Amino acid sequence: MQEFLLVIHRDLTSANPTPSPEQMKEALKPYQDWVAGIAAQDRLVAPPKRWDVDGRVIRFEKNKDQVYNGPYAESRESIGGLFLVRAKDYDDAVEIAKGCPIIRYGAIVEVRMAVPVA
């Protein structure tokens, strides 16, 4: 088994508004059940974490570090959460990600394989 990062993105544009409190409440239990199912299969490496929409970006520009507010000034997406799972391969990890119930509310789940640093 390999480790895969599941990153949950939210679209912050007005074309895809933030779910209402009722929608969030409706999505919470299925989301918790989905994560619990992954954990019950001993495939959850690191539990889900939520992230704020602010963040900072540091770039080396003009011969010095530059710090910018927000993930990216031009970004329309925010990281809503991330966690690590165990899967046989990308296809298996994608199947896990496809089970995420909040994609029905406009979230996007990105899948990345963890590659050991040499």
C-alpha atoms as a PDB file:
ATOM      1  CA  MET A   1       0.000   0.000   0.000  1.00  0.00           C
ATOM      2  CA  GLN A   2       1.079   3.533  -0.758  1.00  0.00           C
ATOM      3  CA  GLU A   3       0.066   6.796   0.858  1.00  0.00           C
ATOM      4  CA  PHE A   4      -2.063   9.316  -0.986  1.00  0.00           C
ATOM      5  CA  LEU A   5      -2.974  12.853  -0.058  1.00  0.00           C
ATOM      6  CA  LEU A   6      -6.616  13.801  -0.500  1.00  0.00           C
ATOM      7  CA  VAL A   7      -7.036  17.558  -0.771  1.00  0.00           C
ATOM      8  CA  ILE A   8     -10.537  18.970  -0.636  1.00  0.00           C
ATOM      9  CA  HIS A   9     -10.885  22.252  -2.505  1.00  0.00           C
ATOM     10  CA  ARG A  10     -13.726  24.726  -2.370  1.00  0.00           C
ATOM     11  CA  ASP A  11     -14.557  27.093  -5.217  1.00  0.00           C
ATOM     12  CA  LEU A  12     -14.833  30.584  -3.721  1.00  0.00           C
ATOM     13  CA  THR A  13     -16.397  32.271  -6.738  1.00  0.00           C
ATOM     14  CA  SER A  14     -19.959  33.500  -6.776  1.00  0.00           C
ATOM     15  CA  ALA A  15     -20.713  30.893  -9.462  1.00  0.00           C
ATOM     16  CA  ASN A  16     -20.338  28.259  -6.758  1.00  0.00           C
ATOM     17  CA  PRO A  17     -21.382  29.881  -3.466  1.00  0.00           C
ATOM     18  CA  THR A  18     -20.539  28.480  -0.075  1.00  0.00           C
ATOM     19  CA  PRO A  19     -23.086  25.848   0.965  1.00  0.00           C
ATOM     20  CA  SER A  20     -25.771  27.056   3.330  1.00  0.00           C
ATOM     21  CA  PRO A  21     -25.643  26.058   7.011  1.00  0.00           C
ATOM     22  CA  GLU A  22     -28.439  23.568   6.278  1.00  0.00           C
ATOM     23  CA  GLN A  23     -26.459  22.010   3.414  1.00  0.00           C
ATOM     24  CA  MET A  24     -23.346  21.836   5.604  1.00  0.00           C
ATOM     25  CA  LYS A  25     -25.302  20.100   8.353  1.00  0.00           C
ATOM     26  CA  GLU A  26     -26.832  17.705   5.817  1.00  0.00           C
ATOM     27  CA  ALA A  27     -23.359  16.867   4.432  1.00  0.00           C
ATOM     28  CA  LEU A  28     -21.601  16.483   7.802  1.00  0.00           C
ATOM     29  CA  LYS A  29     -22.921  13.054   8.833  1.00  0.00           C
ATOM     30  CA  PRO A  30     -22.248  11.376   5.440  1.00  0.00           C
ATOM     31  CA  TYR A  31     -18.772  12.944   5.441  1.00  0.00           C
ATOM     32  CA  GLN A  32     -18.052  11.660   8.952  1.00  0.00           C
ATOM     33  CA  ASP A  33     -19.343   8.211   7.952  1.00  0.00           C
ATOM     34  CA  TRP A  34     -17.146   8.223   4.836  1.00  0.00           C
ATOM     35  CA  VAL A  35     -14.027   9.067   6.879  1.00  0.00           C
ATOM     36  CA  ALA A  36     -14.990   6.490   9.556  1.00  0.00           C
ATOM     37  CA  GLY A  37     -15.324   3.861   6.817  1.00  0.00           C
ATOM     38  CA  ILE A  38     -11.814   4.632   5.570  1.00  0.00           C
ATOM     39  CA  ALA A  39     -10.509   4.400   9.149  1.00  0.00           C
ATOM     40  CA  ALA A  40     -12.371   1.116   9.768  1.00  0.00           C
ATOM     41  CA  GLN A  41     -10.504  -0.392   6.816  1.00  0.00           C
ATOM     42  CA  ASP A  42      -7.206   0.768   8.404  1.00  0.00           C
ATOM     43  CA  ARG A  43      -6.583   2.997   5.410  1.00  0.00           C
ATOM     44  CA  LEU A  44      -6.600   6.351   7.207  1.00  0.00           C
ATOM     45  CA  VAL A  45      -3.013   7.488   7.809  1.00  0.00           C
ATOM     46  CA  ALA A  46      -3.712  11.016   9.074  1.00  0.00           C
ATOM     47  CA  PRO A  47      -7.178  12.298  10.009  1.00  0.00           C
ATOM     48  CA  PRO A  48      -8.862  15.131   8.130  1.00  0.00           C
ATOM     49  CA  LYS A  49      -7.949  18.681   9.035  1.00  0.00           C
ATOM     50  CA  ARG A  50      -9.822  21.844   8.108  1.00  0.00           C
ATOM     51  CA  TRP A  51      -7.926  24.886   6.891  1.00  0.00           C
ATOM     52  CA  ASP A  52      -8.697  28.580   6.915  1.00  0.00           C
ATOM     53  CA  VAL A  53      -9.158  30.511   3.671  1.00  0.00           C
ATOM     54  CA  ASP A  54      -6.388  33.021   4.373  1.00  0.00           C
ATOM     55  CA  GLY A  55      -2.891  31.546   4.462  1.00  0.00           C
ATOM     56  CA  ARG A  56       0.327  33.134   3.232  1.00  0.00           C
ATOM     57  CA  VAL A  57       2.487  32.613   0.167  1.00  0.00           C
ATOM     58  CA  ILE A  58       6.240  33.203   0.297  1.00  0.00           C
ATOM     59  CA  ARG A  59       8.147  33.786  -2.928  1.00  0.00           C
ATOM     60  CA  PHE A  60      11.714  34.812  -3.572  1.00  0.00           C
ATOM     61  CA  GLU A  61      11.446  37.888  -5.771  1.00  0.00           C
ATOM     62  CA  LYS A  62      13.684  40.907  -6.320  1.00  0.00           C
ATOM     63  CA  ASN A  63      16.459  39.157  -4.359  1.00  0.00           C
ATOM     64  CA  LYS A  64      14.430  38.796  -1.178  1.00  0.00           C
ATOM     65  CA  ASP A  65      11.564  36.844   0.327  1.00  0.00           C
ATOM     66  CA  GLN A  66       8.169  38.331  -0.446  1.00  0.00           C
ATOM     67  CA  VAL A  67       5.156  37.398   1.680  1.00  0.00           C
ATOM     68  CA  TYR A  68       1.665  37.650   0.211  1.00  0.00           C
ATOM     69  CA  ASN A  69      -1.681  37.289   1.964  1.00  0.00           C
ATOM     70  CA  GLY A  70      -3.942  34.452   0.951  1.00  0.00           C
ATOM     71  CA  PRO A  71      -3.128  31.212  -0.796  1.00  0.00           C
ATOM     72  CA  TYR A  72      -2.886  33.034  -4.140  1.00  0.00           C
ATOM     73  CA  ALA A  73      -4.240  36.476  -4.879  1.00  0.00           C
ATOM     74  CA  GLU A  74      -5.673  35.260  -8.180  1.00  0.00           C
ATOM     75  CA  SER A  75      -6.965  31.948  -6.814  1.00  0.00           C
ATOM     76  CA  ARG A  76     -10.631  31.086  -6.898  1.00  0.00           C
ATOM     77  CA  GLU A  77     -10.189  27.954  -4.820  1.00  0.00           C
ATOM     78  CA  SER A  78      -9.393  27.368  -1.186  1.00  0.00           C
ATOM     79  CA  ILE A  79      -8.215  24.231   0.552  1.00  0.00           C
ATOM     80  CA  GLY A  80     -11.107  23.093   2.715  1.00  0.00           C
ATOM     81  CA  GLY A  81      -9.327  20.070   4.164  1.00  0.00           C
ATOM     82  CA  LEU A  82      -6.727  17.407   3.612  1.00  0.00           C
ATOM     83  CA  PHE A  83      -5.730  13.998   4.915  1.00  0.00           C
ATOM     84  CA  LEU A  84      -3.671  10.928   4.065  1.00  0.00           C
ATOM     85  CA  VAL A  85      -5.014   7.515   3.094  1.00  0.00           C
ATOM     86  CA  ARG A  86      -3.496   4.162   2.169  1.00  0.00           C
ATOM     87  CA  ALA A  87      -4.333   2.747  -1.255  1.00  0.00           C
ATOM     88  CA  LYS A  88      -2.946   0.131  -3.648  1.00  0.00           C
ATOM     89  CA  ASP A  89      -2.511   2.612  -6.498  1.00  0.00           C
ATOM     90  CA  TYR A  90      -3.956   5.768  -8.025  1.00  0.00           C
ATOM     91  CA  ASP A  91      -7.097   3.976  -9.194  1.00  0.00           C
ATOM     92  CA  ASP A  92      -7.760   2.701  -5.687  1.00  0.00           C
ATOM     93  CA  ALA A  93      -7.118   6.170  -4.188  1.00  0.00           C
ATOM     94  CA  VAL A  94      -9.453   7.747  -6.742  1.00  0.00           C
ATOM     95  CA  GLU A  95     -12.178   5.276  -5.784  1.00  0.00           C
ATOM     96  CA  ILE A  96     -11.768   6.337  -2.155  1.00  0.00           C
ATOM     97  CA  ALA A  97     -11.926  10.013  -3.171  1.00  0.00           C
ATOM     98  CA  LYS A  98     -15.028   9.482  -5.313  1.00  0.00           C
ATOM     99  CA  GLY A  99     -16.858   8.417  -2.160  1.00  0.00           C
ATOM    100  CA  CYS A 100     -16.488  11.889  -0.640  1.00  0.00           C
ATOM    101  CA  PRO A 101     -20.083  13.066  -0.192  1.00  0.00           C
ATOM    102  CA  ILE A 102     -19.292  16.775  -0.235  1.00  0.00           C
ATOM    103  CA  ILE A 103     -18.349  16.724  -3.914  1.00  0.00           C
ATOM    104  CA  ARG A 104     -22.098  16.861  -4.470  1.00  0.00           C
ATOM    105  CA  TYR A 105     -21.990  20.341  -2.923  1.00  0.00           C
ATOM    106  CA  GLY A 106     -19.331  21.675  -5.288  1.00  0.00           C
ATOM    107  CA  ALA A 107     -16.160  20.541  -3.517  1.00  0.00           C
ATOM    108  CA  ILE A 108     -13.303  19.076  -5.550  1.00  0.00           C
ATOM    109  CA  VAL A 109     -11.100  16.259  -4.243  1.00  0.00           C
ATOM    110  CA  GLU A 110      -7.532  16.215  -5.523  1.00  0.00           C
ATOM    111  CA  VAL A 111      -5.520  12.995  -5.183  1.00  0.00           C
ATOM    112  CA  ARG A 112      -1.707  13.015  -4.932  1.00  0.00           C
ATOM    113  CA  MET A 113       0.629  10.097  -4.306  1.00  0.00           C
ATOM    114  CA  ALA A 114       3.210  10.616  -1.561  1.00  0.00           C
ATOM    115  CA  VAL A 115       6.688  10.145  -3.004  1.00  0.00           C
ATOM    116  CA  PRO A 116       9.545   9.458  -0.563  1.00  0.00           C
ATOM    117  CA  VAL A 117      12.233  12.119  -0.483  1.00  0.00           C
ATOM    118  CA  ALA A 118      15.576  10.623  -1.421  1.00  0.00           C
END
